[in-house]
Amino acid sequence: PEELHAFVRETLGDLAADDEPELVD
C-alpha cells in the first residue's frame, strides 16, 4: 500500500491531501 501512497503523492502532489477544502475541490 505504501507504493500506492507514494504514486498518489508523486502524481497529485498537494492535491493528494484531504485537509484543505480548496485542494479537495
PDBML (XML) file of the C-alpha atoms, coordinates in Angstrom:
<?xml version="1.0" encoding="UTF-8" ?>
<PDBx:datablock datablockName="MODEL"
   xmlns:PDBx="http://pdbml.pdb.org/schema/pdbx-v50.xsd"
   xmlns:xsi="http://www.w3.org/2001/XMLSchema-instance"
   xsi:schemaLocation="http://pdbml.pdb.org/schema/pdbx-v50.xsd pdbx-v50.xsd">
   <PDBx:atom_siteCategory>
      <PDBx:atom_site id="1">
         <PDBx:B_iso_or_equiv>0.00</PDBx:B_iso_or_equiv>
         <PDBx:Cartn_x>0.000</PDBx:Cartn_x>
         <PDBx:Cartn_y>0.000</PDBx:Cartn_y>
         <PDBx:Cartn_z>0.000</PDBx:Cartn_z>
         <PDBx:auth_asym_id>A</PDBx:auth_asym_id>
         <PDBx:auth_atom_id>CA</PDBx:auth_atom_id>
         <PDBx:auth_comp_id>PRO</PDBx:auth_comp_id>
         <PDBx:auth_seq_id>1</PDBx:auth_seq_id>
         <PDBx:group_PDB>ATOM</PDBx:group_PDB>
         <PDBx:label_alt_id xsi:nil="true" />
         <PDBx:label_asym_id>A</PDBx:label_asym_id>
         <PDBx:label_atom_id>CA</PDBx:label_atom_id>
         <PDBx:label_comp_id>PRO</PDBx:label_comp_id>
         <PDBx:label_entity_id>1</PDBx:label_entity_id>
         <PDBx:label_seq_id>1</PDBx:label_seq_id>
         <PDBx:occupancy>1.00</PDBx:occupancy>
         <PDBx:pdbx_PDB_model_num>1</PDBx:pdbx_PDB_model_num>
         <PDBx:type_symbol>C</PDBx:type_symbol>
      </PDBx:atom_site>
      <PDBx:atom_site id="2">
         <PDBx:B_iso_or_equiv>0.00</PDBx:B_iso_or_equiv>
         <PDBx:Cartn_x>2.877</PDBx:Cartn_x>
         <PDBx:Cartn_y>2.397</PDBx:Cartn_y>
         <PDBx:Cartn_z>0.640</PDBx:Cartn_z>
         <PDBx:auth_asym_id>A</PDBx:auth_asym_id>
         <PDBx:auth_atom_id>CA</PDBx:auth_atom_id>
         <PDBx:auth_comp_id>GLU</PDBx:auth_comp_id>
         <PDBx:auth_seq_id>2</PDBx:auth_seq_id>
         <PDBx:group_PDB>ATOM</PDBx:group_PDB>
         <PDBx:label_alt_id xsi:nil="true" />
         <PDBx:label_asym_id>A</PDBx:label_asym_id>
         <PDBx:label_atom_id>CA</PDBx:label_atom_id>
         <PDBx:label_comp_id>GLU</PDBx:label_comp_id>
         <PDBx:label_entity_id>1</PDBx:label_entity_id>
         <PDBx:label_seq_id>2</PDBx:label_seq_id>
         <PDBx:occupancy>1.00</PDBx:occupancy>
         <PDBx:pdbx_PDB_model_num>1</PDBx:pdbx_PDB_model_num>
         <PDBx:type_symbol>C</PDBx:type_symbol>
      </PDBx:atom_site>
      <PDBx:atom_site id="3">
         <PDBx:B_iso_or_equiv>0.00</PDBx:B_iso_or_equiv>
         <PDBx:Cartn_x>3.853</PDBx:Cartn_x>
         <PDBx:Cartn_y>2.096</PDBx:Cartn_y>
         <PDBx:Cartn_z>-3.034</PDBx:Cartn_z>
         <PDBx:auth_asym_id>A</PDBx:auth_asym_id>
         <PDBx:auth_atom_id>CA</PDBx:auth_atom_id>
         <PDBx:auth_comp_id>GLU</PDBx:auth_comp_id>
         <PDBx:auth_seq_id>3</PDBx:auth_seq_id>
         <PDBx:group_PDB>ATOM</PDBx:group_PDB>
         <PDBx:label_alt_id xsi:nil="true" />
         <PDBx:label_asym_id>A</PDBx:label_asym_id>
         <PDBx:label_atom_id>CA</PDBx:label_atom_id>
         <PDBx:label_comp_id>GLU</PDBx:label_comp_id>
         <PDBx:label_entity_id>1</PDBx:label_entity_id>
         <PDBx:label_seq_id>3</PDBx:label_seq_id>
         <PDBx:occupancy>1.00</PDBx:occupancy>
         <PDBx:pdbx_PDB_model_num>1</PDBx:pdbx_PDB_model_num>
         <PDBx:type_symbol>C</PDBx:type_symbol>
      </PDBx:atom_site>
      <PDBx:atom_site id="4">
         <PDBx:B_iso_or_equiv>0.00</PDBx:B_iso_or_equiv>
         <PDBx:Cartn_x>0.329</PDBx:Cartn_x>
         <PDBx:Cartn_y>3.196</PDBx:Cartn_y>
         <PDBx:Cartn_z>-3.986</PDBx:Cartn_z>
         <PDBx:auth_asym_id>A</PDBx:auth_asym_id>
         <PDBx:auth_atom_id>CA</PDBx:auth_atom_id>
         <PDBx:auth_comp_id>LEU</PDBx:auth_comp_id>
         <PDBx:auth_seq_id>4</PDBx:auth_seq_id>
         <PDBx:group_PDB>ATOM</PDBx:group_PDB>
         <PDBx:label_alt_id xsi:nil="true" />
         <PDBx:label_asym_id>A</PDBx:label_asym_id>
         <PDBx:label_atom_id>CA</PDBx:label_atom_id>
         <PDBx:label_comp_id>LEU</PDBx:label_comp_id>
         <PDBx:label_entity_id>1</PDBx:label_entity_id>
         <PDBx:label_seq_id>4</PDBx:label_seq_id>
         <PDBx:occupancy>1.00</PDBx:occupancy>
         <PDBx:pdbx_PDB_model_num>1</PDBx:pdbx_PDB_model_num>
         <PDBx:type_symbol>C</PDBx:type_symbol>
      </PDBx:atom_site>
      <PDBx:atom_site id="5">
         <PDBx:B_iso_or_equiv>0.00</PDBx:B_iso_or_equiv>
         <PDBx:Cartn_x>0.508</PDBx:Cartn_x>
         <PDBx:Cartn_y>6.084</PDBx:Cartn_y>
         <PDBx:Cartn_z>-1.496</PDBx:Cartn_z>
         <PDBx:auth_asym_id>A</PDBx:auth_asym_id>
         <PDBx:auth_atom_id>CA</PDBx:auth_atom_id>
         <PDBx:auth_comp_id>HIS</PDBx:auth_comp_id>
         <PDBx:auth_seq_id>5</PDBx:auth_seq_id>
         <PDBx:group_PDB>ATOM</PDBx:group_PDB>
         <PDBx:label_alt_id xsi:nil="true" />
         <PDBx:label_asym_id>A</PDBx:label_asym_id>
         <PDBx:label_atom_id>CA</PDBx:label_atom_id>
         <PDBx:label_comp_id>HIS</PDBx:label_comp_id>
         <PDBx:label_entity_id>1</PDBx:label_entity_id>
         <PDBx:label_seq_id>5</PDBx:label_seq_id>
         <PDBx:occupancy>1.00</PDBx:occupancy>
         <PDBx:pdbx_PDB_model_num>1</PDBx:pdbx_PDB_model_num>
         <PDBx:type_symbol>C</PDBx:type_symbol>
      </PDBx:atom_site>
      <PDBx:atom_site id="6">
         <PDBx:B_iso_or_equiv>0.00</PDBx:B_iso_or_equiv>
         <PDBx:Cartn_x>3.841</PDBx:Cartn_x>
         <PDBx:Cartn_y>7.161</PDBx:Cartn_y>
         <PDBx:Cartn_z>-2.968</PDBx:Cartn_z>
         <PDBx:auth_asym_id>A</PDBx:auth_asym_id>
         <PDBx:auth_atom_id>CA</PDBx:auth_atom_id>
         <PDBx:auth_comp_id>ALA</PDBx:auth_comp_id>
         <PDBx:auth_seq_id>6</PDBx:auth_seq_id>
         <PDBx:group_PDB>ATOM</PDBx:group_PDB>
         <PDBx:label_alt_id xsi:nil="true" />
         <PDBx:label_asym_id>A</PDBx:label_asym_id>
         <PDBx:label_atom_id>CA</PDBx:label_atom_id>
         <PDBx:label_comp_id>ALA</PDBx:label_comp_id>
         <PDBx:label_entity_id>1</PDBx:label_entity_id>
         <PDBx:label_seq_id>6</PDBx:label_seq_id>
         <PDBx:occupancy>1.00</PDBx:occupancy>
         <PDBx:pdbx_PDB_model_num>1</PDBx:pdbx_PDB_model_num>
         <PDBx:type_symbol>C</PDBx:type_symbol>
      </PDBx:atom_site>
      <PDBx:atom_site id="7">
         <PDBx:B_iso_or_equiv>0.00</PDBx:B_iso_or_equiv>
         <PDBx:Cartn_x>2.422</PDBx:Cartn_x>
         <PDBx:Cartn_y>7.042</PDBx:Cartn_y>
         <PDBx:Cartn_z>-6.509</PDBx:Cartn_z>
         <PDBx:auth_asym_id>A</PDBx:auth_asym_id>
         <PDBx:auth_atom_id>CA</PDBx:auth_atom_id>
         <PDBx:auth_comp_id>PHE</PDBx:auth_comp_id>
         <PDBx:auth_seq_id>7</PDBx:auth_seq_id>
         <PDBx:group_PDB>ATOM</PDBx:group_PDB>
         <PDBx:label_alt_id xsi:nil="true" />
         <PDBx:label_asym_id>A</PDBx:label_asym_id>
         <PDBx:label_atom_id>CA</PDBx:label_atom_id>
         <PDBx:label_comp_id>PHE</PDBx:label_comp_id>
         <PDBx:label_entity_id>1</PDBx:label_entity_id>
         <PDBx:label_seq_id>7</PDBx:label_seq_id>
         <PDBx:occupancy>1.00</PDBx:occupancy>
         <PDBx:pdbx_PDB_model_num>1</PDBx:pdbx_PDB_model_num>
         <PDBx:type_symbol>C</PDBx:type_symbol>
      </PDBx:atom_site>
      <PDBx:atom_site id="8">
         <PDBx:B_iso_or_equiv>0.00</PDBx:B_iso_or_equiv>
         <PDBx:Cartn_x>-0.521</PDBx:Cartn_x>
         <PDBx:Cartn_y>9.220</PDBx:Cartn_y>
         <PDBx:Cartn_z>-5.475</PDBx:Cartn_z>
         <PDBx:auth_asym_id>A</PDBx:auth_asym_id>
         <PDBx:auth_atom_id>CA</PDBx:auth_atom_id>
         <PDBx:auth_comp_id>VAL</PDBx:auth_comp_id>
         <PDBx:auth_seq_id>8</PDBx:auth_seq_id>
         <PDBx:group_PDB>ATOM</PDBx:group_PDB>
         <PDBx:label_alt_id xsi:nil="true" />
         <PDBx:label_asym_id>A</PDBx:label_asym_id>
         <PDBx:label_atom_id>CA</PDBx:label_atom_id>
         <PDBx:label_comp_id>VAL</PDBx:label_comp_id>
         <PDBx:label_entity_id>1</PDBx:label_entity_id>
         <PDBx:label_seq_id>8</PDBx:label_seq_id>
         <PDBx:occupancy>1.00</PDBx:occupancy>
         <PDBx:pdbx_PDB_model_num>1</PDBx:pdbx_PDB_model_num>
         <PDBx:type_symbol>C</PDBx:type_symbol>
      </PDBx:atom_site>
      <PDBx:atom_site id="9">
         <PDBx:B_iso_or_equiv>0.00</PDBx:B_iso_or_equiv>
         <PDBx:Cartn_x>1.713</PDBx:Cartn_x>
         <PDBx:Cartn_y>11.741</PDBx:Cartn_y>
         <PDBx:Cartn_z>-3.697</PDBx:Cartn_z>
         <PDBx:auth_asym_id>A</PDBx:auth_asym_id>
         <PDBx:auth_atom_id>CA</PDBx:auth_atom_id>
         <PDBx:auth_comp_id>ARG</PDBx:auth_comp_id>
         <PDBx:auth_seq_id>9</PDBx:auth_seq_id>
         <PDBx:group_PDB>ATOM</PDBx:group_PDB>
         <PDBx:label_alt_id xsi:nil="true" />
         <PDBx:label_asym_id>A</PDBx:label_asym_id>
         <PDBx:label_atom_id>CA</PDBx:label_atom_id>
         <PDBx:label_comp_id>ARG</PDBx:label_comp_id>
         <PDBx:label_entity_id>1</PDBx:label_entity_id>
         <PDBx:label_seq_id>9</PDBx:label_seq_id>
         <PDBx:occupancy>1.00</PDBx:occupancy>
         <PDBx:pdbx_PDB_model_num>1</PDBx:pdbx_PDB_model_num>
         <PDBx:type_symbol>C</PDBx:type_symbol>
      </PDBx:atom_site>
      <PDBx:atom_site id="10">
         <PDBx:B_iso_or_equiv>0.00</PDBx:B_iso_or_equiv>
         <PDBx:Cartn_x>4.172</PDBx:Cartn_x>
         <PDBx:Cartn_y>11.915</PDBx:Cartn_y>
         <PDBx:Cartn_z>-6.604</PDBx:Cartn_z>
         <PDBx:auth_asym_id>A</PDBx:auth_asym_id>
         <PDBx:auth_atom_id>CA</PDBx:auth_atom_id>
         <PDBx:auth_comp_id>GLU</PDBx:auth_comp_id>
         <PDBx:auth_seq_id>10</PDBx:auth_seq_id>
         <PDBx:group_PDB>ATOM</PDBx:group_PDB>
         <PDBx:label_alt_id xsi:nil="true" />
         <PDBx:label_asym_id>A</PDBx:label_asym_id>
         <PDBx:label_atom_id>CA</PDBx:label_atom_id>
         <PDBx:label_comp_id>GLU</PDBx:label_comp_id>
         <PDBx:label_entity_id>1</PDBx:label_entity_id>
         <PDBx:label_seq_id>10</PDBx:label_seq_id>
         <PDBx:occupancy>1.00</PDBx:occupancy>
         <PDBx:pdbx_PDB_model_num>1</PDBx:pdbx_PDB_model_num>
         <PDBx:type_symbol>C</PDBx:type_symbol>
      </PDBx:atom_site>
      <PDBx:atom_site id="11">
         <PDBx:B_iso_or_equiv>0.00</PDBx:B_iso_or_equiv>
         <PDBx:Cartn_x>1.425</PDBx:Cartn_x>
         <PDBx:Cartn_y>12.247</PDBx:Cartn_y>
         <PDBx:Cartn_z>-9.204</PDBx:Cartn_z>
         <PDBx:auth_asym_id>A</PDBx:auth_asym_id>
         <PDBx:auth_atom_id>CA</PDBx:auth_atom_id>
         <PDBx:auth_comp_id>THR</PDBx:auth_comp_id>
         <PDBx:auth_seq_id>11</PDBx:auth_seq_id>
         <PDBx:group_PDB>ATOM</PDBx:group_PDB>
         <PDBx:label_alt_id xsi:nil="true" />
         <PDBx:label_asym_id>A</PDBx:label_asym_id>
         <PDBx:label_atom_id>CA</PDBx:label_atom_id>
         <PDBx:label_comp_id>THR</PDBx:label_comp_id>
         <PDBx:label_entity_id>1</PDBx:label_entity_id>
         <PDBx:label_seq_id>11</PDBx:label_seq_id>
         <PDBx:occupancy>1.00</PDBx:occupancy>
         <PDBx:pdbx_PDB_model_num>1</PDBx:pdbx_PDB_model_num>
         <PDBx:type_symbol>C</PDBx:type_symbol>
      </PDBx:atom_site>
      <PDBx:atom_site id="12">
         <PDBx:B_iso_or_equiv>0.00</PDBx:B_iso_or_equiv>
         <PDBx:Cartn_x>-1.044</PDBx:Cartn_x>
         <PDBx:Cartn_y>14.557</PDBx:Cartn_y>
         <PDBx:Cartn_z>-7.463</PDBx:Cartn_z>
         <PDBx:auth_asym_id>A</PDBx:auth_asym_id>
         <PDBx:auth_atom_id>CA</PDBx:auth_atom_id>
         <PDBx:auth_comp_id>LEU</PDBx:auth_comp_id>
         <PDBx:auth_seq_id>12</PDBx:auth_seq_id>
         <PDBx:group_PDB>ATOM</PDBx:group_PDB>
         <PDBx:label_alt_id xsi:nil="true" />
         <PDBx:label_asym_id>A</PDBx:label_asym_id>
         <PDBx:label_atom_id>CA</PDBx:label_atom_id>
         <PDBx:label_comp_id>LEU</PDBx:label_comp_id>
         <PDBx:label_entity_id>1</PDBx:label_entity_id>
         <PDBx:label_seq_id>12</PDBx:label_seq_id>
         <PDBx:occupancy>1.00</PDBx:occupancy>
         <PDBx:pdbx_PDB_model_num>1</PDBx:pdbx_PDB_model_num>
         <PDBx:type_symbol>C</PDBx:type_symbol>
      </PDBx:atom_site>
      <PDBx:atom_site id="13">
         <PDBx:B_iso_or_equiv>0.00</PDBx:B_iso_or_equiv>
         <PDBx:Cartn_x>1.318</PDBx:Cartn_x>
         <PDBx:Cartn_y>16.476</PDBx:Cartn_y>
         <PDBx:Cartn_z>-5.197</PDBx:Cartn_z>
         <PDBx:auth_asym_id>A</PDBx:auth_asym_id>
         <PDBx:auth_atom_id>CA</PDBx:auth_atom_id>
         <PDBx:auth_comp_id>GLY</PDBx:auth_comp_id>
         <PDBx:auth_seq_id>13</PDBx:auth_seq_id>
         <PDBx:group_PDB>ATOM</PDBx:group_PDB>
         <PDBx:label_alt_id xsi:nil="true" />
         <PDBx:label_asym_id>A</PDBx:label_asym_id>
         <PDBx:label_atom_id>CA</PDBx:label_atom_id>
         <PDBx:label_comp_id>GLY</PDBx:label_comp_id>
         <PDBx:label_entity_id>1</PDBx:label_entity_id>
         <PDBx:label_seq_id>13</PDBx:label_seq_id>
         <PDBx:occupancy>1.00</PDBx:occupancy>
         <PDBx:pdbx_PDB_model_num>1</PDBx:pdbx_PDB_model_num>
         <PDBx:type_symbol>C</PDBx:type_symbol>
      </PDBx:atom_site>
      <PDBx:atom_site id="14">
         <PDBx:B_iso_or_equiv>0.00</PDBx:B_iso_or_equiv>
         <PDBx:Cartn_x>-0.647</PDBx:Cartn_x>
         <PDBx:Cartn_y>18.846</PDBx:Cartn_y>
         <PDBx:Cartn_z>-2.960</PDBx:Cartn_z>
         <PDBx:auth_asym_id>A</PDBx:auth_asym_id>
         <PDBx:auth_atom_id>CA</PDBx:auth_atom_id>
         <PDBx:auth_comp_id>ASP</PDBx:auth_comp_id>
         <PDBx:auth_seq_id>14</PDBx:auth_seq_id>
         <PDBx:group_PDB>ATOM</PDBx:group_PDB>
         <PDBx:label_alt_id xsi:nil="true" />
         <PDBx:label_asym_id>A</PDBx:label_asym_id>
         <PDBx:label_atom_id>CA</PDBx:label_atom_id>
         <PDBx:label_comp_id>ASP</PDBx:label_comp_id>
         <PDBx:label_entity_id>1</PDBx:label_entity_id>
         <PDBx:label_seq_id>14</PDBx:label_seq_id>
         <PDBx:occupancy>1.00</PDBx:occupancy>
         <PDBx:pdbx_PDB_model_num>1</PDBx:pdbx_PDB_model_num>
         <PDBx:type_symbol>C</PDBx:type_symbol>
      </PDBx:atom_site>
      <PDBx:atom_site id="15">
         <PDBx:B_iso_or_equiv>0.00</PDBx:B_iso_or_equiv>
         <PDBx:Cartn_x>-3.941</PDBx:Cartn_x>
         <PDBx:Cartn_y>17.605</PDBx:Cartn_y>
         <PDBx:Cartn_z>-4.436</PDBx:Cartn_z>
         <PDBx:auth_asym_id>A</PDBx:auth_asym_id>
         <PDBx:auth_atom_id>CA</PDBx:auth_atom_id>
         <PDBx:auth_comp_id>LEU</PDBx:auth_comp_id>
         <PDBx:auth_seq_id>15</PDBx:auth_seq_id>
         <PDBx:group_PDB>ATOM</PDBx:group_PDB>
         <PDBx:label_alt_id xsi:nil="true" />
         <PDBx:label_asym_id>A</PDBx:label_asym_id>
         <PDBx:label_atom_id>CA</PDBx:label_atom_id>
         <PDBx:label_comp_id>LEU</PDBx:label_comp_id>
         <PDBx:label_entity_id>1</PDBx:label_entity_id>
         <PDBx:label_seq_id>15</PDBx:label_seq_id>
         <PDBx:occupancy>1.00</PDBx:occupancy>
         <PDBx:pdbx_PDB_model_num>1</PDBx:pdbx_PDB_model_num>
         <PDBx:type_symbol>C</PDBx:type_symbol>
      </PDBx:atom_site>
      <PDBx:atom_site id="16">
         <PDBx:B_iso_or_equiv>0.00</PDBx:B_iso_or_equiv>
         <PDBx:Cartn_x>-3.436</PDBx:Cartn_x>
         <PDBx:Cartn_y>14.282</PDBx:Cartn_y>
         <PDBx:Cartn_z>-2.648</PDBx:Cartn_z>
         <PDBx:auth_asym_id>A</PDBx:auth_asym_id>
         <PDBx:auth_atom_id>CA</PDBx:auth_atom_id>
         <PDBx:auth_comp_id>ALA</PDBx:auth_comp_id>
         <PDBx:auth_seq_id>16</PDBx:auth_seq_id>
         <PDBx:group_PDB>ATOM</PDBx:group_PDB>
         <PDBx:label_alt_id xsi:nil="true" />
         <PDBx:label_asym_id>A</PDBx:label_asym_id>
         <PDBx:label_atom_id>CA</PDBx:label_atom_id>
         <PDBx:label_comp_id>ALA</PDBx:label_comp_id>
         <PDBx:label_entity_id>1</PDBx:label_entity_id>
         <PDBx:label_seq_id>16</PDBx:label_seq_id>
         <PDBx:occupancy>1.00</PDBx:occupancy>
         <PDBx:pdbx_PDB_model_num>1</PDBx:pdbx_PDB_model_num>
         <PDBx:type_symbol>C</PDBx:type_symbol>
      </PDBx:atom_site>
      <PDBx:atom_site id="17">
         <PDBx:B_iso_or_equiv>0.00</PDBx:B_iso_or_equiv>
         <PDBx:Cartn_x>-4.158</PDBx:Cartn_x>
         <PDBx:Cartn_y>15.927</PDBx:Cartn_y>
         <PDBx:Cartn_z>0.713</PDBx:Cartn_z>
         <PDBx:auth_asym_id>A</PDBx:auth_asym_id>
         <PDBx:auth_atom_id>CA</PDBx:auth_atom_id>
         <PDBx:auth_comp_id>ALA</PDBx:auth_comp_id>
         <PDBx:auth_seq_id>17</PDBx:auth_seq_id>
         <PDBx:group_PDB>ATOM</PDBx:group_PDB>
         <PDBx:label_alt_id xsi:nil="true" />
         <PDBx:label_asym_id>A</PDBx:label_asym_id>
         <PDBx:label_atom_id>CA</PDBx:label_atom_id>
         <PDBx:label_comp_id>ALA</PDBx:label_comp_id>
         <PDBx:label_entity_id>1</PDBx:label_entity_id>
         <PDBx:label_seq_id>17</PDBx:label_seq_id>
         <PDBx:occupancy>1.00</PDBx:occupancy>
         <PDBx:pdbx_PDB_model_num>1</PDBx:pdbx_PDB_model_num>
         <PDBx:type_symbol>C</PDBx:type_symbol>
      </PDBx:atom_site>
      <PDBx:atom_site id="18">
         <PDBx:B_iso_or_equiv>0.00</PDBx:B_iso_or_equiv>
         <PDBx:Cartn_x>-7.655</PDBx:Cartn_x>
         <PDBx:Cartn_y>15.955</PDBx:Cartn_y>
         <PDBx:Cartn_z>2.182</PDBx:Cartn_z>
         <PDBx:auth_asym_id>A</PDBx:auth_asym_id>
         <PDBx:auth_atom_id>CA</PDBx:auth_atom_id>
         <PDBx:auth_comp_id>ASP</PDBx:auth_comp_id>
         <PDBx:auth_seq_id>18</PDBx:auth_seq_id>
         <PDBx:group_PDB>ATOM</PDBx:group_PDB>
         <PDBx:label_alt_id xsi:nil="true" />
         <PDBx:label_asym_id>A</PDBx:label_asym_id>
         <PDBx:label_atom_id>CA</PDBx:label_atom_id>
         <PDBx:label_comp_id>ASP</PDBx:label_comp_id>
         <PDBx:label_entity_id>1</PDBx:label_entity_id>
         <PDBx:label_seq_id>18</PDBx:label_seq_id>
         <PDBx:occupancy>1.00</PDBx:occupancy>
         <PDBx:pdbx_PDB_model_num>1</PDBx:pdbx_PDB_model_num>
         <PDBx:type_symbol>C</PDBx:type_symbol>
      </PDBx:atom_site>
      <PDBx:atom_site id="19">
         <PDBx:B_iso_or_equiv>0.00</PDBx:B_iso_or_equiv>
         <PDBx:Cartn_x>-7.029</PDBx:Cartn_x>
         <PDBx:Cartn_y>18.651</PDBx:Cartn_y>
         <PDBx:Cartn_z>4.761</PDBx:Cartn_z>
         <PDBx:auth_asym_id>A</PDBx:auth_asym_id>
         <PDBx:auth_atom_id>CA</PDBx:auth_atom_id>
         <PDBx:auth_comp_id>ASP</PDBx:auth_comp_id>
         <PDBx:auth_seq_id>19</PDBx:auth_seq_id>
         <PDBx:group_PDB>ATOM</PDBx:group_PDB>
         <PDBx:label_alt_id xsi:nil="true" />
         <PDBx:label_asym_id>A</PDBx:label_asym_id>
         <PDBx:label_atom_id>CA</PDBx:label_atom_id>
         <PDBx:label_comp_id>ASP</PDBx:label_comp_id>
         <PDBx:label_entity_id>1</PDBx:label_entity_id>
         <PDBx:label_seq_id>19</PDBx:label_seq_id>
         <PDBx:occupancy>1.00</PDBx:occupancy>
         <PDBx:pdbx_PDB_model_num>1</PDBx:pdbx_PDB_model_num>
         <PDBx:type_symbol>C</PDBx:type_symbol>
      </PDBx:atom_site>
      <PDBx:atom_site id="20">
         <PDBx:B_iso_or_equiv>0.00</PDBx:B_iso_or_equiv>
         <PDBx:Cartn_x>-7.700</PDBx:Cartn_x>
         <PDBx:Cartn_y>21.735</PDBx:Cartn_y>
         <PDBx:Cartn_z>2.612</PDBx:Cartn_z>
         <PDBx:auth_asym_id>A</PDBx:auth_asym_id>
         <PDBx:auth_atom_id>CA</PDBx:auth_atom_id>
         <PDBx:auth_comp_id>GLU</PDBx:auth_comp_id>
         <PDBx:auth_seq_id>20</PDBx:auth_seq_id>
         <PDBx:group_PDB>ATOM</PDBx:group_PDB>
         <PDBx:label_alt_id xsi:nil="true" />
         <PDBx:label_asym_id>A</PDBx:label_asym_id>
         <PDBx:label_atom_id>CA</PDBx:label_atom_id>
         <PDBx:label_comp_id>GLU</PDBx:label_comp_id>
         <PDBx:label_entity_id>1</PDBx:label_entity_id>
         <PDBx:label_seq_id>20</PDBx:label_seq_id>
         <PDBx:occupancy>1.00</PDBx:occupancy>
         <PDBx:pdbx_PDB_model_num>1</PDBx:pdbx_PDB_model_num>
         <PDBx:type_symbol>C</PDBx:type_symbol>
      </PDBx:atom_site>
      <PDBx:atom_site id="21">
         <PDBx:B_iso_or_equiv>0.00</PDBx:B_iso_or_equiv>
         <PDBx:Cartn_x>-11.165</PDBx:Cartn_x>
         <PDBx:Cartn_y>22.206</PDBx:Cartn_y>
         <PDBx:Cartn_z>1.099</PDBx:Cartn_z>
         <PDBx:auth_asym_id>A</PDBx:auth_asym_id>
         <PDBx:auth_atom_id>CA</PDBx:auth_atom_id>
         <PDBx:auth_comp_id>PRO</PDBx:auth_comp_id>
         <PDBx:auth_seq_id>21</PDBx:auth_seq_id>
         <PDBx:group_PDB>ATOM</PDBx:group_PDB>
         <PDBx:label_alt_id xsi:nil="true" />
         <PDBx:label_asym_id>A</PDBx:label_asym_id>
         <PDBx:label_atom_id>CA</PDBx:label_atom_id>
         <PDBx:label_comp_id>PRO</PDBx:label_comp_id>
         <PDBx:label_entity_id>1</PDBx:label_entity_id>
         <PDBx:label_seq_id>21</PDBx:label_seq_id>
         <PDBx:occupancy>1.00</PDBx:occupancy>
         <PDBx:pdbx_PDB_model_num>1</PDBx:pdbx_PDB_model_num>
         <PDBx:type_symbol>C</PDBx:type_symbol>
      </PDBx:atom_site>
      <PDBx:atom_site id="22">
         <PDBx:B_iso_or_equiv>0.00</PDBx:B_iso_or_equiv>
         <PDBx:Cartn_x>-9.756</PDBx:Cartn_x>
         <PDBx:Cartn_y>24.186</PDBx:Cartn_y>
         <PDBx:Cartn_z>-1.842</PDBx:Cartn_z>
         <PDBx:auth_asym_id>A</PDBx:auth_asym_id>
         <PDBx:auth_atom_id>CA</PDBx:auth_atom_id>
         <PDBx:auth_comp_id>GLU</PDBx:auth_comp_id>
         <PDBx:auth_seq_id>22</PDBx:auth_seq_id>
         <PDBx:group_PDB>ATOM</PDBx:group_PDB>
         <PDBx:label_alt_id xsi:nil="true" />
         <PDBx:label_asym_id>A</PDBx:label_asym_id>
         <PDBx:label_atom_id>CA</PDBx:label_atom_id>
         <PDBx:label_comp_id>GLU</PDBx:label_comp_id>
         <PDBx:label_entity_id>1</PDBx:label_entity_id>
         <PDBx:label_seq_id>22</PDBx:label_seq_id>
         <PDBx:occupancy>1.00</PDBx:occupancy>
         <PDBx:pdbx_PDB_model_num>1</PDBx:pdbx_PDB_model_num>
         <PDBx:type_symbol>C</PDBx:type_symbol>
      </PDBx:atom_site>
      <PDBx:atom_site id="23">
         <PDBx:B_iso_or_equiv>0.00</PDBx:B_iso_or_equiv>
         <PDBx:Cartn_x>-7.455</PDBx:Cartn_x>
         <PDBx:Cartn_y>21.297</PDBx:Cartn_y>
         <PDBx:Cartn_z>-2.812</PDBx:Cartn_z>
         <PDBx:auth_asym_id>A</PDBx:auth_asym_id>
         <PDBx:auth_atom_id>CA</PDBx:auth_atom_id>
         <PDBx:auth_comp_id>LEU</PDBx:auth_comp_id>
         <PDBx:auth_seq_id>23</PDBx:auth_seq_id>
         <PDBx:group_PDB>ATOM</PDBx:group_PDB>
         <PDBx:label_alt_id xsi:nil="true" />
         <PDBx:label_asym_id>A</PDBx:label_asym_id>
         <PDBx:label_atom_id>CA</PDBx:label_atom_id>
         <PDBx:label_comp_id>LEU</PDBx:label_comp_id>
         <PDBx:label_entity_id>1</PDBx:label_entity_id>
         <PDBx:label_seq_id>23</PDBx:label_seq_id>
         <PDBx:occupancy>1.00</PDBx:occupancy>
         <PDBx:pdbx_PDB_model_num>1</PDBx:pdbx_PDB_model_num>
         <PDBx:type_symbol>C</PDBx:type_symbol>
      </PDBx:atom_site>
      <PDBx:atom_site id="24">
         <PDBx:B_iso_or_equiv>0.00</PDBx:B_iso_or_equiv>
         <PDBx:Cartn_x>-10.263</PDBx:Cartn_x>
         <PDBx:Cartn_y>18.767</PDBx:Cartn_y>
         <PDBx:Cartn_z>-2.454</PDBx:Cartn_z>
         <PDBx:auth_asym_id>A</PDBx:auth_asym_id>
         <PDBx:auth_atom_id>CA</PDBx:auth_atom_id>
         <PDBx:auth_comp_id>VAL</PDBx:auth_comp_id>
         <PDBx:auth_seq_id>24</PDBx:auth_seq_id>
         <PDBx:group_PDB>ATOM</PDBx:group_PDB>
         <PDBx:label_alt_id xsi:nil="true" />
         <PDBx:label_asym_id>A</PDBx:label_asym_id>
         <PDBx:label_atom_id>CA</PDBx:label_atom_id>
         <PDBx:label_comp_id>VAL</PDBx:label_comp_id>
         <PDBx:label_entity_id>1</PDBx:label_entity_id>
         <PDBx:label_seq_id>24</PDBx:label_seq_id>
         <PDBx:occupancy>1.00</PDBx:occupancy>
         <PDBx:pdbx_PDB_model_num>1</PDBx:pdbx_PDB_model_num>
         <PDBx:type_symbol>C</PDBx:type_symbol>
      </PDBx:atom_site>
      <PDBx:atom_site id="25">
         <PDBx:B_iso_or_equiv>0.00</PDBx:B_iso_or_equiv>
         <PDBx:Cartn_x>-12.404</PDBx:Cartn_x>
         <PDBx:Cartn_y>20.985</PDBx:Cartn_y>
         <PDBx:Cartn_z>-4.693</PDBx:Cartn_z>
         <PDBx:auth_asym_id>A</PDBx:auth_asym_id>
         <PDBx:auth_atom_id>CA</PDBx:auth_atom_id>
         <PDBx:auth_comp_id>ASP</PDBx:auth_comp_id>
         <PDBx:auth_seq_id>25</PDBx:auth_seq_id>
         <PDBx:group_PDB>ATOM</PDBx:group_PDB>
         <PDBx:label_alt_id xsi:nil="true" />
         <PDBx:label_asym_id>A</PDBx:label_asym_id>
         <PDBx:label_atom_id>CA</PDBx:label_atom_id>
         <PDBx:label_comp_id>ASP</PDBx:label_comp_id>
         <PDBx:label_entity_id>1</PDBx:label_entity_id>
         <PDBx:label_seq_id>25</PDBx:label_seq_id>
         <PDBx:occupancy>1.00</PDBx:occupancy>
         <PDBx:pdbx_PDB_model_num>1</PDBx:pdbx_PDB_model_num>
         <PDBx:type_symbol>C</PDBx:type_symbol>
      </PDBx:atom_site>
   </PDBx:atom_siteCategory>
</PDBx:datablock>
